[in-house]
Every structure is written in C-alpha cells, then in structure tokens.
Protein backbone atom coordinates (compact mmCIF):
# COMPACT_ATOMS: atom_id res chain seq x y z
CA UNK A 1 4.14 19.78 10.10
CA UNK A 2 1.46 18.52 7.65
CA UNK A 3 -0.97 21.10 6.45
CA UNK A 4 -4.40 21.08 7.90
CA UNK A 5 -7.02 19.26 5.81
CA UNK A 6 -4.57 17.19 3.77
CA UNK A 7 -4.27 13.50 4.22
CA UNK A 8 -0.84 11.78 3.62
CA UNK A 9 -0.61 8.38 2.28
CA UNK A 10 2.53 6.23 2.24
CA UNK A 11 2.88 2.87 0.62
CA UNK A 12 5.71 0.66 1.97
CA UNK A 13 7.42 -2.57 0.86
CA UNK A 14 9.19 -5.03 2.98
CA UNK A 15 11.12 -8.17 2.10
CA UNK A 16 11.66 -10.78 4.66
CA UNK A 17 13.68 -14.04 4.52
CA UNK A 18 11.93 -17.23 5.15
CA UNK A 19 13.41 -20.52 6.68
CA UNK A 20 13.27 -22.19 3.29
CA UNK A 21 15.45 -19.58 1.76
CA UNK A 22 12.55 -17.88 -0.29
CA UNK A 23 11.86 -14.29 0.39
CA UNK A 24 8.40 -12.75 1.20
CA UNK A 25 7.44 -9.42 -0.23
CA UNK A 26 4.65 -7.51 1.55
CA UNK A 27 3.21 -4.08 1.30
CA UNK A 28 1.63 -1.85 3.87
CA UNK A 29 -0.39 1.31 3.42
CA UNK A 30 -0.44 4.02 6.10
CA UNK A 31 -2.68 6.97 6.03
CA UNK A 32 -2.19 10.17 8.29
CA UNK A 33 -5.12 12.61 8.60
CA UNK A 34 -3.85 15.48 10.77
CA UNK A 35 -7.36 16.70 11.66
CA UNK A 36 -11.01 15.77 11.63
CA UNK A 37 -11.68 17.57 8.38
CA UNK A 38 -9.03 15.66 6.49
CA UNK A 39 -10.27 12.43 7.93
CA UNK A 40 -13.83 13.28 7.15
CA UNK A 41 -12.79 13.95 3.49
CA UNK A 42 -10.55 11.00 3.19
CA UNK A 43 -12.78 8.29 4.55
CA UNK A 44 -15.38 8.18 1.74
CA UNK A 45 -12.59 8.23 -0.84
CA UNK A 46 -10.73 5.35 1.00
CA UNK A 47 -13.94 3.21 0.97
CA UNK A 48 -14.38 3.79 -2.70
CA UNK A 49 -10.89 3.21 -3.78
CA UNK A 50 -9.98 0.43 -1.20
CA UNK A 51 -11.14 -2.72 -3.55
CA UNK A 52 -9.29 -1.24 -6.51
CA UNK A 53 -6.29 -0.40 -4.36
CA UNK A 54 -6.18 -4.13 -3.24
CA UNK A 55 -6.52 -5.33 -6.83
CA UNK A 56 -3.66 -3.02 -8.01
CA UNK A 57 -1.41 -4.03 -5.03
CA UNK A 58 -2.04 -7.88 -5.93
CA UNK A 59 -1.17 -7.25 -9.54
CA UNK A 60 2.00 -5.27 -8.61
CA UNK A 61 3.18 -7.82 -6.30
CA UNK A 62 2.49 -10.62 -9.02
CA UNK A 63 4.40 -8.63 -11.53
CA UNK A 64 7.28 -8.14 -9.13
CA UNK A 65 7.36 -11.93 -8.35
CA UNK A 66 7.31 -12.81 -11.96
CA UNK A 67 10.13 -10.55 -12.77
CA UNK A 68 12.20 -11.70 -9.79
CA UNK A 69 11.73 -15.32 -11.01
CA UNK A 70 12.74 -14.41 -14.55
CA UNK A 71 9.28 -15.16 -16.07
CA UNK A 72 8.56 -11.72 -17.19
C-alpha cells in the first residue's frame, strides 16, 4: 500500500496498429494520490509542471518517430 502523503506518477506508452499499416504511439500519465494531503501537495506542482510535461512528451514522441523512421 502506498505511503500516506506521497503521490505516485506513472507514464505509459501504447503502440496501436492503424488500418493503413502505420503505427500510432501514444502516452498516458496517471497520478495516484492516496489521501487528501498528497493531493493537496501534488495539485500545485502539476499545474506548474503540466505545460513543460506536455512539451517534453511531444519532443520525446518526435524523437521516437524520427528514430523509428531512420531519420535520427
């Protein structure tokens, strides 16, 4: 069981086939806050880091795409 007061964040990746034979790579972020204290502490952090997180995720996905297409 997670410790009280500590938020857990997981970043997942999923590859899905498309009808045209291409692949789609997506990411998903999940956050678990086991109690009100952890949620209260995590929320301001998330609002601050969220735009940067999105930028980093887009750059990461672009890099993975370039690498998979041999353009790296």
